[in-house]
Structures are given as structure tokens and as C-alpha cells.
Amino acid sequence: MGKLRNSETRKSRKARTTPFQATYDTILTRLIEAREEAGLNQRDVSARMGHSHSFLSKCETGDRRIDVMELLQFAEIYGKPLQFFFD
């Protein structure tokens, strides 16, 4: 692969999502609320998803970005519609 030209310089993930940070913060808040309402702890949820405990901890603190498929899994585990995470 060749060297990127200035116009093709890749931006960090954080730089690409800055305009959406408030929305993402809402998703994280709702993610925690949904887990607590379901009466589950981080270890329970991580185990159901096949990940270590640190996976969910990092997701909830924003240290790790979650993708759409993971959000769908969270919604299913917590018994919430997808829209719940955006309201």
C-alpha cells in the first residue's frame, strides 16, 4: 500500500466522531441504565457476549467504542428496543 496523500490522511476514531459525541454519551448513559434495570452486572453481560469483564467496563466508560452489532446484542440482553439507547 502506498503512502497516503495529505487529502487522504486518516483521522483518529475520536476525531471522526467528535460532532456526535453528545449522542454517543447519551447511548453510554442509557447502556448503563438498561443494564441496571435488567438487574445484571458487568461480568454477567460480558460473559453472555463471550468477552472478559473489562470489555463492558471499557464500553460503558467510553474507552472502547461499541459497534452497531454490539448495540443490538445489548438491546437483546437487556430486553430493550434499539430506540431506547437514543432517547
C-alpha atoms as a PDB file:
ATOM      1  CA  MET A   1       0.000   0.000   0.000  1.00  0.00           C
ATOM      2  CA  GLY A   2       1.386   3.395  -0.944  1.00  0.00           C
ATOM      3  CA  LYS A   3       1.831   6.471   1.163  1.00  0.00           C
ATOM      4  CA  LEU A   4      -1.339   8.482   1.777  1.00  0.00           C
ATOM      5  CA  ARG A   5      -1.612  11.917   0.230  1.00  0.00           C
ATOM      6  CA  ASN A   6      -2.450  14.866   2.516  1.00  0.00           C
ATOM      7  CA  SER A   7      -6.087  14.826   1.423  1.00  0.00           C
ATOM      8  CA  GLU A   8      -6.290  11.151   2.328  1.00  0.00           C
ATOM      9  CA  THR A   9      -4.762  11.447   5.778  1.00  0.00           C
ATOM     10  CA  ARG A  10      -6.636   9.244   8.170  1.00  0.00           C
ATOM     11  CA  LYS A  11      -8.169  10.853  11.192  1.00  0.00           C
ATOM     12  CA  SER A  12      -8.301   9.170  14.556  1.00  0.00           C
ATOM     13  CA  ARG A  13     -11.554   7.494  15.540  1.00  0.00           C
ATOM     14  CA  LYS A  14     -12.108  10.195  18.151  1.00  0.00           C
ATOM     15  CA  ALA A  15     -11.652  12.975  15.606  1.00  0.00           C
ATOM     16  CA  ARG A  16     -14.193  11.385  13.280  1.00  0.00           C
ATOM     17  CA  THR A  17     -16.878  11.133  15.958  1.00  0.00           C
ATOM     18  CA  THR A  18     -16.479  14.469  17.747  1.00  0.00           C
ATOM     19  CA  PRO A  19     -19.614  16.001  16.152  1.00  0.00           C
ATOM     20  CA  PHE A  20     -21.572  13.028  17.522  1.00  0.00           C
ATOM     21  CA  GLN A  21     -20.026  12.914  20.987  1.00  0.00           C
ATOM     22  CA  ALA A  22     -23.182  14.137  22.754  1.00  0.00           C
ATOM     23  CA  THR A  23     -25.228  11.400  21.076  1.00  0.00           C
ATOM     24  CA  TYR A  24     -22.634   8.791  21.960  1.00  0.00           C
ATOM     25  CA  ASP A  25     -22.598   9.982  25.587  1.00  0.00           C
ATOM     26  CA  THR A  26     -26.387   9.520  25.676  1.00  0.00           C
ATOM     27  CA  ILE A  27     -26.004   5.986  24.343  1.00  0.00           C
ATOM     28  CA  LEU A  28     -23.474   5.171  27.066  1.00  0.00           C
ATOM     29  CA  THR A  29     -25.722   6.569  29.795  1.00  0.00           C
ATOM     30  CA  ARG A  30     -28.665   4.557  28.512  1.00  0.00           C
ATOM     31  CA  LEU A  31     -26.468   1.462  28.210  1.00  0.00           C
ATOM     32  CA  ILE A  32     -25.693   1.630  31.928  1.00  0.00           C
ATOM     33  CA  GLU A  33     -29.339   2.366  32.804  1.00  0.00           C
ATOM     34  CA  ALA A  34     -30.528  -0.631  30.763  1.00  0.00           C
ATOM     35  CA  ARG A  35     -28.049  -2.970  32.433  1.00  0.00           C
ATOM     36  CA  GLU A  36     -29.024  -1.789  35.903  1.00  0.00           C
ATOM     37  CA  GLU A  37     -32.754  -2.036  35.111  1.00  0.00           C
ATOM     38  CA  ALA A  38     -32.172  -5.608  33.900  1.00  0.00           C
ATOM     39  CA  GLY A  39     -30.531  -6.393  37.249  1.00  0.00           C
ATOM     40  CA  LEU A  40     -27.294  -7.511  35.624  1.00  0.00           C
ATOM     41  CA  ASN A  41     -23.707  -6.704  36.468  1.00  0.00           C
ATOM     42  CA  GLN A  42     -20.870  -6.122  34.017  1.00  0.00           C
ATOM     43  CA  ARG A  43     -19.490  -9.639  34.468  1.00  0.00           C
ATOM     44  CA  ASP A  44     -22.871 -11.229  33.647  1.00  0.00           C
ATOM     45  CA  VAL A  45     -23.296  -9.240  30.448  1.00  0.00           C
ATOM     46  CA  SER A  46     -19.697  -9.679  29.319  1.00  0.00           C
ATOM     47  CA  ALA A  47     -19.958 -13.436  29.849  1.00  0.00           C
ATOM     48  CA  ARG A  48     -23.182 -13.608  27.809  1.00  0.00           C
ATOM     49  CA  MET A  49     -21.394 -11.815  24.977  1.00  0.00           C
ATOM     50  CA  GLY A  50     -18.299 -14.027  25.241  1.00  0.00           C
ATOM     51  CA  HIS A  51     -15.989 -11.242  26.432  1.00  0.00           C
ATOM     52  CA  SER A  52     -13.940 -10.516  29.524  1.00  0.00           C
ATOM     53  CA  HIS A  53     -15.308  -8.263  32.277  1.00  0.00           C
ATOM     54  CA  SER A  54     -13.117  -5.408  31.086  1.00  0.00           C
ATOM     55  CA  PHE A  55     -14.955  -5.380  27.737  1.00  0.00           C
ATOM     56  CA  LEU A  56     -18.172  -3.947  29.165  1.00  0.00           C
ATOM     57  CA  SER A  57     -16.371  -1.738  31.637  1.00  0.00           C
ATOM     58  CA  LYS A  58     -14.460  -0.113  28.789  1.00  0.00           C
ATOM     59  CA  CYS A  59     -17.619   0.185  26.680  1.00  0.00           C
ATOM     60  CA  GLU A  60     -19.551   1.929  29.469  1.00  0.00           C
ATOM     61  CA  THR A  61     -16.737   4.387  30.224  1.00  0.00           C
ATOM     62  CA  GLY A  62     -16.197   5.212  26.560  1.00  0.00           C
ATOM     63  CA  ASP A  63     -12.673   3.784  26.497  1.00  0.00           C
ATOM     64  CA  ARG A  64     -13.866   1.351  23.842  1.00  0.00           C
ATOM     65  CA  ARG A  65     -16.325   2.251  21.099  1.00  0.00           C
ATOM     66  CA  ILE A  66     -19.205  -0.104  20.542  1.00  0.00           C
ATOM     67  CA  ASP A  67     -20.376  -1.015  17.081  1.00  0.00           C
ATOM     68  CA  VAL A  68     -23.904  -1.442  15.811  1.00  0.00           C
ATOM     69  CA  MET A  69     -23.928  -5.219  16.158  1.00  0.00           C
ATOM     70  CA  GLU A  70     -22.811  -4.968  19.779  1.00  0.00           C
ATOM     71  CA  LEU A  71     -25.531  -2.406  20.458  1.00  0.00           C
ATOM     72  CA  LEU A  72     -28.061  -4.854  19.011  1.00  0.00           C
ATOM     73  CA  GLN A  73     -26.720  -7.553  21.354  1.00  0.00           C
ATOM     74  CA  PHE A  74     -27.021  -5.223  24.349  1.00  0.00           C
ATOM     75  CA  ALA A  75     -30.601  -4.393  23.397  1.00  0.00           C
ATOM     76  CA  GLU A  76     -31.469  -8.082  23.199  1.00  0.00           C
ATOM     77  CA  ILE A  77     -29.776  -8.953  26.512  1.00  0.00           C
ATOM     78  CA  TYR A  78     -31.444  -6.036  28.304  1.00  0.00           C
ATOM     79  CA  GLY A  79     -34.840  -6.560  26.674  1.00  0.00           C
ATOM     80  CA  LYS A  80     -34.908  -3.040  25.277  1.00  0.00           C
ATOM     81  CA  PRO A  81     -35.804  -1.734  21.816  1.00  0.00           C
ATOM     82  CA  LEU A  82     -32.874  -0.197  19.961  1.00  0.00           C
ATOM     83  CA  GLN A  83     -34.505   3.240  20.143  1.00  0.00           C
ATOM     84  CA  PHE A  84     -34.199   3.148  23.951  1.00  0.00           C
ATOM     85  CA  PHE A  85     -30.479   3.942  23.637  1.00  0.00           C
ATOM     86  CA  PHE A  86     -31.100   7.103  21.615  1.00  0.00           C
ATOM     87  CA  ASP A  87     -33.881   8.780  23.639  1.00  0.00           C
END
